N, C-alpha and C. Protein backbone atom coordinates (compact mmCIF):
# COMPACT_ATOMS: atom_id res chain seq x y z
N MET A 1 106.86 90.85 79.07
CA MET A 1 106.49 89.65 79.83
C MET A 1 104.99 89.66 80.11
N ALA A 2 104.34 88.54 79.84
CA ALA A 2 102.90 88.44 80.03
C ALA A 2 102.55 88.49 81.52
N THR A 3 101.41 89.07 81.83
CA THR A 3 100.95 89.14 83.21
C THR A 3 100.41 87.79 83.65
N PRO A 4 100.87 87.27 84.82
CA PRO A 4 100.37 85.98 85.29
C PRO A 4 98.87 86.00 85.51
N GLN A 5 98.22 84.87 85.24
CA GLN A 5 96.78 84.75 85.45
C GLN A 5 96.51 83.60 86.42
N PHE A 6 95.77 83.89 87.47
CA PHE A 6 95.41 82.86 88.44
C PHE A 6 93.91 82.61 88.32
N ILE A 7 93.57 81.44 87.81
CA ILE A 7 92.16 81.10 87.62
C ILE A 7 91.82 79.92 88.53
N LEU A 8 91.21 80.20 89.66
CA LEU A 8 90.85 79.15 90.61
C LEU A 8 89.41 78.70 90.34
N ARG A 9 89.20 77.40 90.40
CA ARG A 9 87.88 76.85 90.11
C ARG A 9 87.38 76.01 91.28
N TYR A 10 86.05 75.89 91.34
CA TYR A 10 85.43 75.06 92.37
C TYR A 10 85.22 73.66 91.80
N HIS A 11 85.83 72.69 92.45
CA HIS A 11 85.71 71.31 91.98
C HIS A 11 85.93 70.39 93.17
N GLU A 12 85.08 69.39 93.34
CA GLU A 12 85.21 68.47 94.47
C GLU A 12 85.25 67.03 93.98
N PRO A 13 85.95 66.17 94.73
CA PRO A 13 86.00 64.75 94.36
C PRO A 13 84.76 64.01 94.83
N THR A 14 84.59 62.82 94.33
CA THR A 14 83.49 61.97 94.79
C THR A 14 83.93 61.29 96.09
N LEU A 15 83.07 60.47 96.65
CA LEU A 15 83.44 59.73 97.86
C LEU A 15 84.50 58.68 97.53
N ASN A 16 85.48 58.55 98.42
CA ASN A 16 86.57 57.58 98.26
C ASN A 16 87.25 57.67 96.89
N PRO A 17 87.77 58.82 96.53
CA PRO A 17 88.42 58.98 95.23
C PRO A 17 89.79 58.29 95.18
N ASN A 18 90.20 57.87 93.99
CA ASN A 18 91.54 57.30 93.83
C ASN A 18 92.53 58.42 93.52
N SER A 19 93.79 58.06 93.31
CA SER A 19 94.82 59.07 93.08
C SER A 19 94.59 59.86 91.80
N ASP A 20 94.11 59.20 90.76
CA ASP A 20 93.85 59.90 89.50
C ASP A 20 92.78 60.97 89.66
N GLU A 21 91.72 60.62 90.39
CA GLU A 21 90.63 61.58 90.57
C GLU A 21 91.08 62.77 91.42
N LEU A 22 91.80 62.47 92.51
CA LEU A 22 92.27 63.56 93.37
C LEU A 22 93.24 64.49 92.64
N ALA A 23 94.13 63.90 91.85
CA ALA A 23 95.06 64.72 91.07
C ALA A 23 94.30 65.57 90.07
N GLY A 24 93.25 65.00 89.49
CA GLY A 24 92.43 65.74 88.54
C GLY A 24 91.72 66.90 89.20
N VAL A 25 91.22 66.68 90.43
CA VAL A 25 90.54 67.74 91.18
C VAL A 25 91.51 68.88 91.49
N ILE A 26 92.72 68.52 91.90
CA ILE A 26 93.72 69.54 92.22
C ILE A 26 94.06 70.39 91.00
N VAL A 27 94.27 69.72 89.88
CA VAL A 27 94.59 70.42 88.63
C VAL A 27 93.43 71.32 88.21
N GLN A 28 92.21 70.84 88.40
CA GLN A 28 91.03 71.65 88.08
C GLN A 28 90.96 72.89 88.97
N ARG A 29 91.13 72.69 90.27
CA ARG A 29 90.99 73.78 91.23
C ARG A 29 92.06 74.86 91.04
N LEU A 30 93.22 74.45 90.57
CA LEU A 30 94.30 75.41 90.34
C LEU A 30 94.24 76.05 88.96
N GLY A 31 93.23 75.68 88.18
CA GLY A 31 93.06 76.28 86.86
C GLY A 31 94.09 75.82 85.85
N LEU A 32 94.58 74.59 86.01
CA LEU A 32 95.62 74.08 85.12
C LEU A 32 95.08 73.21 83.98
N MET A 33 93.79 73.00 83.98
CA MET A 33 93.19 72.24 82.87
C MET A 33 93.02 73.15 81.66
N PRO A 34 93.04 72.58 80.45
CA PRO A 34 92.83 73.39 79.24
C PRO A 34 91.48 74.09 79.27
N ARG A 35 91.43 75.31 78.75
CA ARG A 35 90.16 76.05 78.70
C ARG A 35 89.19 75.38 77.73
N LYS A 36 89.75 74.86 76.65
CA LYS A 36 88.92 74.23 75.63
C LYS A 36 88.46 72.85 76.10
N LYS A 37 87.15 72.67 76.15
CA LYS A 37 86.60 71.41 76.61
C LYS A 37 86.96 70.27 75.65
N GLY A 38 87.42 69.17 76.23
CA GLY A 38 87.75 68.00 75.43
C GLY A 38 89.17 68.00 74.88
N ALA A 39 89.97 69.05 75.22
CA ALA A 39 91.34 69.12 74.72
C ALA A 39 92.16 67.95 75.25
N THR A 40 92.05 67.69 76.53
CA THR A 40 92.69 66.53 77.15
C THR A 40 92.13 66.34 78.55
N GLU A 41 92.05 65.11 78.97
CA GLU A 41 91.59 64.79 80.32
C GLU A 41 92.73 64.17 81.13
N LYS A 42 93.95 64.29 80.62
CA LYS A 42 95.09 63.62 81.25
C LYS A 42 96.11 64.58 81.86
N MET A 43 95.75 65.84 82.00
CA MET A 43 96.70 66.82 82.52
C MET A 43 97.17 66.47 83.93
N HIS A 44 96.32 65.79 84.69
CA HIS A 44 96.69 65.43 86.06
C HIS A 44 97.85 64.45 86.11
N ASN A 45 98.07 63.72 85.00
CA ASN A 45 99.17 62.75 84.97
C ASN A 45 100.52 63.45 85.14
N ILE A 46 100.61 64.69 84.70
CA ILE A 46 101.86 65.44 84.85
C ILE A 46 102.16 65.67 86.32
N LEU A 47 101.14 66.02 87.09
CA LEU A 47 101.32 66.27 88.52
C LEU A 47 101.82 65.01 89.22
N ILE A 48 101.22 63.89 88.90
CA ILE A 48 101.62 62.62 89.51
C ILE A 48 103.05 62.25 89.12
N GLU A 49 103.38 62.40 87.84
CA GLU A 49 104.71 62.04 87.35
C GLU A 49 105.78 62.96 87.93
N LEU A 50 105.48 64.24 88.07
CA LEU A 50 106.43 65.16 88.70
C LEU A 50 106.74 64.73 90.13
N TYR A 51 105.72 64.29 90.84
CA TYR A 51 105.91 63.83 92.22
C TYR A 51 106.73 62.56 92.27
N GLU A 52 106.43 61.62 91.38
CA GLU A 52 107.17 60.36 91.36
C GLU A 52 108.64 60.61 91.03
N LYS A 53 108.91 61.49 90.09
CA LYS A 53 110.28 61.80 89.72
C LYS A 53 111.01 62.50 90.86
N SER A 54 110.29 63.35 91.60
CA SER A 54 110.89 64.04 92.73
C SER A 54 111.30 63.05 93.81
N LYS A 55 110.46 62.05 94.05
CA LYS A 55 110.79 61.02 95.04
C LYS A 55 112.00 60.21 94.60
N THR A 56 112.05 59.87 93.32
CA THR A 56 113.18 59.10 92.79
C THR A 56 114.48 59.88 92.92
N ALA A 57 114.43 61.16 92.58
CA ALA A 57 115.62 62.01 92.66
C ALA A 57 116.13 62.11 94.09
N SER A 58 115.20 62.20 95.05
CA SER A 58 115.57 62.30 96.45
C SER A 58 116.17 60.98 96.95
N LYS A 59 115.57 59.88 96.53
CA LYS A 59 116.03 58.56 96.97
C LYS A 59 117.40 58.22 96.39
N GLU A 60 117.59 58.53 95.11
CA GLU A 60 118.84 58.20 94.43
C GLU A 60 119.88 59.31 94.53
N LYS A 61 119.46 60.43 95.16
CA LYS A 61 120.34 61.59 95.28
C LYS A 61 120.87 62.04 93.91
N THR A 62 119.95 62.04 92.95
CA THR A 62 120.26 62.47 91.59
C THR A 62 119.29 63.57 91.20
N PRO A 63 119.66 64.84 91.37
CA PRO A 63 118.76 65.96 91.10
C PRO A 63 118.14 65.96 89.71
N THR A 64 118.90 65.52 88.71
CA THR A 64 118.38 65.54 87.34
C THR A 64 117.24 64.56 87.13
N ALA A 65 117.12 63.59 88.03
CA ALA A 65 116.05 62.60 87.90
C ALA A 65 114.68 63.21 88.16
N ALA A 66 114.65 64.39 88.78
CA ALA A 66 113.38 65.06 89.09
C ALA A 66 112.83 65.84 87.91
N LEU A 67 113.63 65.98 86.87
CA LEU A 67 113.24 66.83 85.74
C LEU A 67 112.37 66.10 84.72
N MET A 68 111.46 66.88 84.14
CA MET A 68 110.64 66.42 83.02
C MET A 68 110.78 67.42 81.89
N THR A 69 111.01 66.93 80.69
CA THR A 69 111.06 67.82 79.54
C THR A 69 109.64 68.12 79.08
N VAL A 70 109.50 69.13 78.25
CA VAL A 70 108.18 69.47 77.73
C VAL A 70 107.62 68.32 76.90
N GLU A 71 108.51 67.62 76.19
CA GLU A 71 108.06 66.46 75.40
C GLU A 71 107.45 65.39 76.29
N GLU A 72 108.12 65.14 77.44
CA GLU A 72 107.60 64.13 78.38
C GLU A 72 106.25 64.57 78.95
N MET A 73 106.15 65.83 79.30
CA MET A 73 104.89 66.34 79.84
C MET A 73 103.77 66.19 78.83
N GLY A 74 104.05 66.54 77.59
CA GLY A 74 103.04 66.41 76.55
C GLY A 74 102.61 64.97 76.35
N MET A 75 103.57 64.06 76.46
CA MET A 75 103.27 62.64 76.30
C MET A 75 102.34 62.15 77.41
N HIS A 76 102.64 62.54 78.66
CA HIS A 76 101.80 62.12 79.79
C HIS A 76 100.42 62.77 79.74
N ALA A 77 100.34 63.98 79.19
CA ALA A 77 99.05 64.68 79.11
C ALA A 77 98.27 64.31 77.86
N GLY A 78 98.92 63.61 76.93
CA GLY A 78 98.23 63.22 75.70
C GLY A 78 98.05 64.36 74.72
N ILE A 79 98.99 65.31 74.74
CA ILE A 79 98.93 66.45 73.81
C ILE A 79 100.31 66.65 73.16
N SER A 80 100.36 67.50 72.15
CA SER A 80 101.61 67.73 71.44
C SER A 80 102.57 68.58 72.26
N ARG A 81 103.83 68.55 71.87
CA ARG A 81 104.87 69.34 72.54
C ARG A 81 104.54 70.83 72.48
N GLN A 82 104.13 71.31 71.32
CA GLN A 82 103.83 72.72 71.15
C GLN A 82 102.66 73.16 72.01
N THR A 83 101.62 72.31 72.08
CA THR A 83 100.46 72.64 72.92
C THR A 83 100.85 72.65 74.39
N MET A 84 101.74 71.74 74.76
CA MET A 84 102.20 71.67 76.15
C MET A 84 102.95 72.94 76.53
N TYR A 85 103.67 73.51 75.60
CA TYR A 85 104.38 74.77 75.86
C TYR A 85 103.39 75.86 76.29
N ASP A 86 102.22 75.87 75.67
CA ASP A 86 101.20 76.87 76.00
C ASP A 86 100.66 76.66 77.41
N TYR A 87 100.49 75.40 77.81
CA TYR A 87 99.92 75.10 79.12
C TYR A 87 100.93 75.20 80.25
N ILE A 88 102.20 74.94 79.94
CA ILE A 88 103.22 74.92 80.99
C ILE A 88 103.38 76.29 81.65
N LYS A 89 103.01 77.35 80.94
CA LYS A 89 103.12 78.70 81.49
C LYS A 89 102.32 78.84 82.78
N ARG A 90 101.16 78.23 82.81
CA ARG A 90 100.30 78.36 84.01
C ARG A 90 100.94 77.69 85.21
N TRP A 91 101.52 76.53 84.99
CA TRP A 91 102.20 75.82 86.06
C TRP A 91 103.35 76.67 86.61
N HIS A 92 104.07 77.27 85.69
CA HIS A 92 105.24 78.06 86.07
C HIS A 92 104.83 79.35 86.77
N GLU A 93 103.78 80.02 86.29
CA GLU A 93 103.31 81.27 86.89
C GLU A 93 102.81 81.06 88.31
N LEU A 94 102.32 79.87 88.60
CA LEU A 94 101.83 79.55 89.94
C LEU A 94 102.97 79.21 90.91
N ASP A 95 104.19 79.10 90.39
CA ASP A 95 105.34 78.67 91.18
C ASP A 95 105.22 77.22 91.63
N LEU A 96 104.38 76.47 90.95
CA LEU A 96 104.22 75.05 91.28
C LEU A 96 105.41 74.24 90.77
N ILE A 97 106.01 74.71 89.69
CA ILE A 97 107.18 74.05 89.12
C ILE A 97 108.25 75.10 88.84
N THR A 98 109.48 74.64 88.68
CA THR A 98 110.58 75.53 88.33
C THR A 98 111.27 75.01 87.07
N LYS A 99 111.81 75.94 86.32
CA LYS A 99 112.51 75.58 85.09
C LYS A 99 114.00 75.49 85.36
N THR A 100 114.63 74.46 84.85
CA THR A 100 116.07 74.30 85.03
C THR A 100 116.68 73.59 83.83
N SER A 101 117.97 73.50 83.79
CA SER A 101 118.64 72.84 82.67
C SER A 101 119.82 72.02 83.17
N TYR A 102 120.23 71.05 82.39
CA TYR A 102 121.38 70.22 82.75
C TYR A 102 122.04 69.70 81.48
N ILE A 103 123.24 69.20 81.62
CA ILE A 103 123.99 68.65 80.49
C ILE A 103 123.69 67.16 80.38
N GLY A 104 123.17 66.76 79.23
CA GLY A 104 122.84 65.35 79.02
C GLY A 104 124.07 64.51 78.73
N SER A 105 123.85 63.21 78.57
CA SER A 105 124.96 62.28 78.31
C SER A 105 125.66 62.58 76.99
N ASP A 106 124.96 63.23 76.09
CA ASP A 106 125.56 63.60 74.80
C ASP A 106 126.16 65.00 74.83
N GLN A 107 126.31 65.53 76.07
CA GLN A 107 126.92 66.85 76.28
C GLN A 107 126.06 68.00 75.74
N LYS A 108 124.79 67.74 75.51
CA LYS A 108 123.88 68.77 75.06
C LYS A 108 123.07 69.30 76.24
N VAL A 109 122.74 70.58 76.18
CA VAL A 109 121.95 71.18 77.26
C VAL A 109 120.50 70.76 77.12
N ILE A 110 119.95 70.23 78.21
CA ILE A 110 118.55 69.79 78.22
C ILE A 110 117.78 70.67 79.20
N VAL A 111 116.69 71.24 78.73
CA VAL A 111 115.84 72.09 79.58
C VAL A 111 114.67 71.27 80.08
N GLY A 112 114.41 71.36 81.38
CA GLY A 112 113.30 70.60 81.95
C GLY A 112 112.63 71.34 83.09
N TYR A 113 111.61 70.72 83.64
CA TYR A 113 110.85 71.30 84.75
C TYR A 113 110.74 70.28 85.87
N LYS A 114 110.67 70.80 87.11
CA LYS A 114 110.51 69.93 88.27
C LYS A 114 109.60 70.60 89.29
N LEU A 115 109.13 69.82 90.25
CA LEU A 115 108.31 70.39 91.32
C LEU A 115 109.10 71.45 92.06
N ASN A 116 108.45 72.50 92.47
CA ASN A 116 109.10 73.57 93.22
C ASN A 116 109.13 73.20 94.70
N GLY A 117 109.74 72.06 94.98
CA GLY A 117 109.81 71.53 96.33
C GLY A 117 110.05 70.04 96.27
N SER A 118 110.39 69.44 97.39
CA SER A 118 110.68 68.00 97.39
C SER A 118 109.42 67.15 97.42
N THR A 119 108.30 67.76 97.82
CA THR A 119 107.02 67.03 97.89
C THR A 119 105.92 67.86 97.24
N LEU A 120 104.77 67.22 97.03
CA LEU A 120 103.62 67.94 96.49
C LEU A 120 103.18 69.06 97.44
N GLU A 121 103.25 68.76 98.75
CA GLU A 121 102.83 69.75 99.74
C GLU A 121 103.72 70.99 99.72
N SER A 122 105.03 70.78 99.66
CA SER A 122 105.94 71.92 99.66
C SER A 122 105.80 72.74 98.37
N ALA A 123 105.56 72.05 97.26
CA ALA A 123 105.36 72.75 95.98
C ALA A 123 104.06 73.55 96.02
N PHE A 124 103.03 72.95 96.62
CA PHE A 124 101.74 73.65 96.71
C PHE A 124 101.85 74.88 97.61
N GLU A 125 102.66 74.81 98.66
CA GLU A 125 102.84 75.97 99.55
C GLU A 125 103.40 77.16 98.78
N LYS A 126 104.28 76.87 97.80
CA LYS A 126 104.83 77.96 96.98
C LYS A 126 103.71 78.59 96.13
N ALA A 127 102.86 77.72 95.58
CA ALA A 127 101.74 78.21 94.77
C ALA A 127 100.75 78.99 95.64
N LYS A 128 100.52 78.47 96.84
CA LYS A 128 99.60 79.12 97.77
C LYS A 128 100.10 80.51 98.14
N THR A 129 101.40 80.61 98.41
CA THR A 129 102.01 81.91 98.75
C THR A 129 101.85 82.90 97.61
N ARG A 130 102.05 82.41 96.38
CA ARG A 130 101.93 83.28 95.21
C ARG A 130 100.50 83.82 95.10
N ILE A 131 99.53 82.96 95.30
CA ILE A 131 98.12 83.36 95.20
C ILE A 131 97.75 84.32 96.33
N LEU A 132 98.20 84.00 97.56
CA LEU A 132 97.87 84.85 98.72
C LEU A 132 98.52 86.23 98.59
N ASN A 133 99.73 86.27 98.06
CA ASN A 133 100.38 87.57 97.84
C ASN A 133 99.56 88.43 96.88
N ASN A 134 99.02 87.76 95.87
CA ASN A 134 98.17 88.47 94.91
C ASN A 134 96.91 89.00 95.60
N LEU A 135 96.31 88.17 96.46
CA LEU A 135 95.10 88.58 97.17
C LEU A 135 95.39 89.68 98.19
N ASP A 136 96.55 89.59 98.87
CA ASP A 136 96.93 90.63 99.83
C ASP A 136 97.09 91.98 99.14
N LEU A 137 97.71 91.95 97.97
CA LEU A 137 97.88 93.19 97.21
C LEU A 137 96.52 93.73 96.75
N THR A 138 95.63 92.81 96.37
CA THR A 138 94.28 93.22 95.98
C THR A 138 93.55 93.86 97.16
N ALA A 139 93.75 93.30 98.37
CA ALA A 139 93.13 93.85 99.57
C ALA A 139 93.60 95.29 99.82
N LYS A 140 94.88 95.55 99.56
CA LYS A 140 95.41 96.91 99.71
C LYS A 140 94.76 97.86 98.71
N TYR A 141 94.57 97.34 97.49
CA TYR A 141 93.92 98.16 96.46
C TYR A 141 92.47 98.46 96.85
N ILE A 142 91.81 97.48 97.49
CA ILE A 142 90.42 97.67 97.94
C ILE A 142 90.36 98.80 98.97
N THR A 143 91.29 98.75 99.95
CA THR A 143 91.35 99.79 100.98
C THR A 143 91.61 101.16 100.36
N GLU A 144 92.54 101.19 99.41
CA GLU A 144 92.88 102.44 98.73
C GLU A 144 91.70 102.98 97.93
N LEU A 145 90.96 102.06 97.29
CA LEU A 145 89.78 102.46 96.51
C LEU A 145 88.75 103.14 97.39
N GLN A 146 88.51 102.59 98.60
CA GLN A 146 87.55 103.19 99.51
C GLN A 146 87.97 104.61 99.90
N LYS A 147 89.27 104.79 100.15
CA LYS A 147 89.77 106.12 100.52
C LYS A 147 89.60 107.11 99.36
N VAL A 148 89.96 106.65 98.16
CA VAL A 148 89.86 107.52 96.98
C VAL A 148 88.41 107.91 96.72
N LEU A 149 87.49 106.93 96.82
CA LEU A 149 86.07 107.23 96.61
C LEU A 149 85.56 108.25 97.63
N LYS A 150 85.98 108.09 98.89
CA LYS A 150 85.57 109.02 99.94
C LYS A 150 86.11 110.43 99.67
N ASN A 151 87.39 110.50 99.31
CA ASN A 151 88.01 111.80 99.04
C ASN A 151 87.39 112.48 97.82
N GLU A 152 87.10 111.67 96.80
CA GLU A 152 86.47 112.22 95.60
C GLU A 152 85.08 112.78 95.91
N LYS A 153 84.35 112.08 96.79
CA LYS A 153 83.01 112.54 97.16
C LYS A 153 83.09 113.86 97.94
N ILE A 154 84.06 113.93 98.87
CA ILE A 154 84.24 115.15 99.65
C ILE A 154 84.64 116.31 98.74
N SER A 155 85.56 116.03 97.82
CA SER A 155 86.03 117.06 96.88
C SER A 155 84.89 117.55 95.99
N LYS A 156 84.06 116.61 95.53
CA LYS A 156 82.94 116.97 94.67
C LYS A 156 81.93 117.84 95.42
N SER A 157 81.66 117.46 96.69
CA SER A 157 80.71 118.22 97.50
C SER A 157 81.23 119.64 97.75
N PHE A 158 82.53 119.75 98.00
CA PHE A 158 83.15 121.06 98.23
C PHE A 158 83.05 121.94 96.98
N ASP A 159 83.34 121.33 95.82
CA ASP A 159 83.27 122.08 94.56
C ASP A 159 81.85 122.55 94.26
N GLU A 160 80.86 121.68 94.56
CA GLU A 160 79.46 122.05 94.32
C GLU A 160 79.04 123.22 95.21
N LYS A 161 79.46 123.19 96.49
CA LYS A 161 79.13 124.28 97.40
C LYS A 161 79.79 125.58 96.95
N LYS A 162 81.03 125.46 96.51
CA LYS A 162 81.77 126.63 96.05
C LYS A 162 81.11 127.24 94.81
N ALA A 163 80.68 126.37 93.89
CA ALA A 163 80.03 126.84 92.66
C ALA A 163 78.68 127.49 92.98
N LYS A 164 77.95 126.89 93.93
CA LYS A 164 76.64 127.43 94.33
C LYS A 164 76.79 128.80 94.96
N LYS A 165 77.82 128.94 95.81
CA LYS A 165 78.07 130.22 96.47
C LYS A 165 78.44 131.28 95.45
N SER A 166 79.23 130.88 94.46
CA SER A 166 79.65 131.82 93.41
C SER A 166 78.46 132.30 92.59
N ARG A 167 77.55 131.37 92.27
CA ARG A 167 76.35 131.74 91.51
C ARG A 167 75.46 132.67 92.32
N GLY A 168 75.38 132.46 93.65
CA GLY A 168 74.56 133.30 94.51
C GLY A 168 75.06 134.73 94.56
N GLN A 169 76.39 134.87 94.59
CA GLN A 169 76.98 136.21 94.62
C GLN A 169 76.73 136.96 93.32
N GLN A 170 76.70 136.25 92.21
CA GLN A 170 76.48 136.86 90.91
C GLN A 170 75.05 137.36 90.74
N THR A 171 74.08 136.76 91.44
CA THR A 171 72.66 137.11 91.27
C THR A 171 72.17 138.13 92.29
N LEU A 172 73.06 138.61 93.21
CA LEU A 172 72.64 139.61 94.19
C LEU A 172 72.28 140.92 93.48
N PRO A 173 71.18 141.63 93.94
CA PRO A 173 70.78 142.88 93.29
C PRO A 173 71.87 143.94 93.39
N VAL A 174 72.11 144.61 92.30
CA VAL A 174 73.15 145.63 92.27
C VAL A 174 72.53 146.97 92.67
N LYS A 175 73.10 147.61 93.67
CA LYS A 175 72.59 148.89 94.15
C LYS A 175 72.91 149.97 93.12
N PRO A 176 71.86 150.69 92.65
CA PRO A 176 72.09 151.69 91.59
C PRO A 176 72.97 152.83 92.08
N VAL A 177 73.80 153.31 91.21
CA VAL A 177 74.68 154.42 91.54
C VAL A 177 73.93 155.73 91.25
N VAL A 178 73.69 156.56 92.27
CA VAL A 178 72.94 157.81 92.14
C VAL A 178 73.91 158.97 92.03
N ASN A 179 73.67 159.79 91.01
CA ASN A 179 74.53 160.96 90.81
C ASN A 179 74.30 161.94 91.96
N LYS A 180 75.37 162.37 92.58
CA LYS A 180 75.26 163.26 93.73
C LYS A 180 74.63 164.60 93.35
N GLU A 181 74.95 165.09 92.17
CA GLU A 181 74.39 166.38 91.73
C GLU A 181 72.89 166.30 91.55
N VAL A 182 72.40 165.15 91.05
CA VAL A 182 70.97 164.96 90.86
C VAL A 182 70.27 164.99 92.21
N GLU A 183 70.89 164.35 93.21
CA GLU A 183 70.30 164.33 94.55
C GLU A 183 70.19 165.75 95.11
N GLU A 184 71.26 166.51 94.92
CA GLU A 184 71.26 167.89 95.43
C GLU A 184 70.20 168.74 94.73
N LEU A 185 70.05 168.53 93.41
CA LEU A 185 69.06 169.28 92.64
C LEU A 185 67.65 168.96 93.11
N ASN A 186 67.40 167.69 93.34
CA ASN A 186 66.08 167.27 93.83
C ASN A 186 65.79 167.88 95.20
N GLU A 187 66.83 167.94 96.03
CA GLU A 187 66.65 168.50 97.37
C GLU A 187 66.34 170.01 97.28
N SER A 188 67.04 170.69 96.38
CA SER A 188 66.80 172.14 96.19
C SER A 188 65.39 172.39 95.68
N SER A 189 64.97 171.56 94.75
CA SER A 189 63.62 171.70 94.18
C SER A 189 62.57 171.49 95.26
N LYS A 190 62.84 170.54 96.14
CA LYS A 190 61.90 170.26 97.22
C LYS A 190 61.79 171.47 98.15
N GLN A 191 62.93 172.05 98.48
CA GLN A 191 62.94 173.22 99.37
C GLN A 191 62.22 174.40 98.72
N LEU A 192 62.44 174.59 97.39
CA LEU A 192 61.81 175.68 96.66
C LEU A 192 60.29 175.53 96.68
N ASN A 193 59.83 174.32 96.49
CA ASN A 193 58.39 174.06 96.53
C ASN A 193 57.81 174.40 97.89
N GLU A 194 58.55 174.07 98.93
CA GLU A 194 58.07 174.35 100.29
C GLU A 194 57.99 175.87 100.52
N GLU A 195 59.00 176.60 100.00
CA GLU A 195 59.00 178.06 100.17
C GLU A 195 57.84 178.69 99.41
N GLU A 196 57.61 178.21 98.17
CA GLU A 196 56.52 178.75 97.37
C GLU A 196 55.18 178.52 98.06
N GLN A 197 55.07 177.32 98.64
CA GLN A 197 53.81 177.01 99.35
C GLN A 197 53.63 177.94 100.57
N ALA A 198 54.72 178.25 101.23
CA ALA A 198 54.64 179.13 102.42
C ALA A 198 54.24 180.55 102.01
N ILE A 199 54.85 181.07 100.91
CA ILE A 199 54.53 182.42 100.43
C ILE A 199 53.07 182.49 99.99
N ALA A 200 52.63 181.44 99.30
CA ALA A 200 51.25 181.41 98.84
C ALA A 200 50.29 181.43 100.01
N ALA A 201 50.66 180.77 101.08
CA ALA A 201 49.80 180.73 102.27
C ALA A 201 49.69 182.12 102.90
N VAL A 202 50.83 182.87 102.91
CA VAL A 202 50.84 184.21 103.51
C VAL A 202 50.01 185.16 102.66
N LEU A 203 50.19 185.10 101.35
CA LEU A 203 49.47 185.98 100.44
C LEU A 203 47.96 185.73 100.49
N SER A 204 47.60 184.51 100.75
CA SER A 204 46.18 184.18 100.77
C SER A 204 45.45 184.88 101.91
N LYS A 205 46.21 185.31 102.89
CA LYS A 205 45.59 185.97 104.03
C LYS A 205 45.21 187.42 103.67
N PHE A 206 45.93 187.99 102.69
CA PHE A 206 45.69 189.37 102.31
C PHE A 206 44.72 189.49 101.14
N PHE A 207 44.47 188.50 100.44
CA PHE A 207 43.59 188.55 99.26
C PHE A 207 42.42 187.60 99.43
């Protein structure tokens, strides 16, 4: 399953906009317009038609009246059915619409889409919740990132101090090991020299 993508854009209407312009602004801000420039400028018609069908279904108490097939959506947007299939994913990932099916008059199963709510506002609340949940999860990741960075810095500093201490111990001067017998021999030689000097001093008095 592909990972949902939420692409929000900055777009504002002009002064005193009509319904077409406002619908276009909403579709732009929710990232529902085609990425390719000039692909179609009628995508907002789908939003308006979904709302009109939802009102009709509520008024006539006929749930199937709220549904739009992909063919219908493509017709209102001025694009092919296959191209509409590519774009409908974004609407669905935002939870702005829901996919459902029903049995047609010819007893065939018909798959369609409808607003995820009885009004545009209720459908948008679903999309808003989906986006906010994504941002809340991102906020948790941000907090976790700060903790990880701090811990990694502390760990790195500790490792550097440990390595520095280890290098210092390796470079300490090594005390030479002196043979005990050599020390004793040197001491005996020293004493012998002192005795010889003493004897020489005594003899010098007689000669």
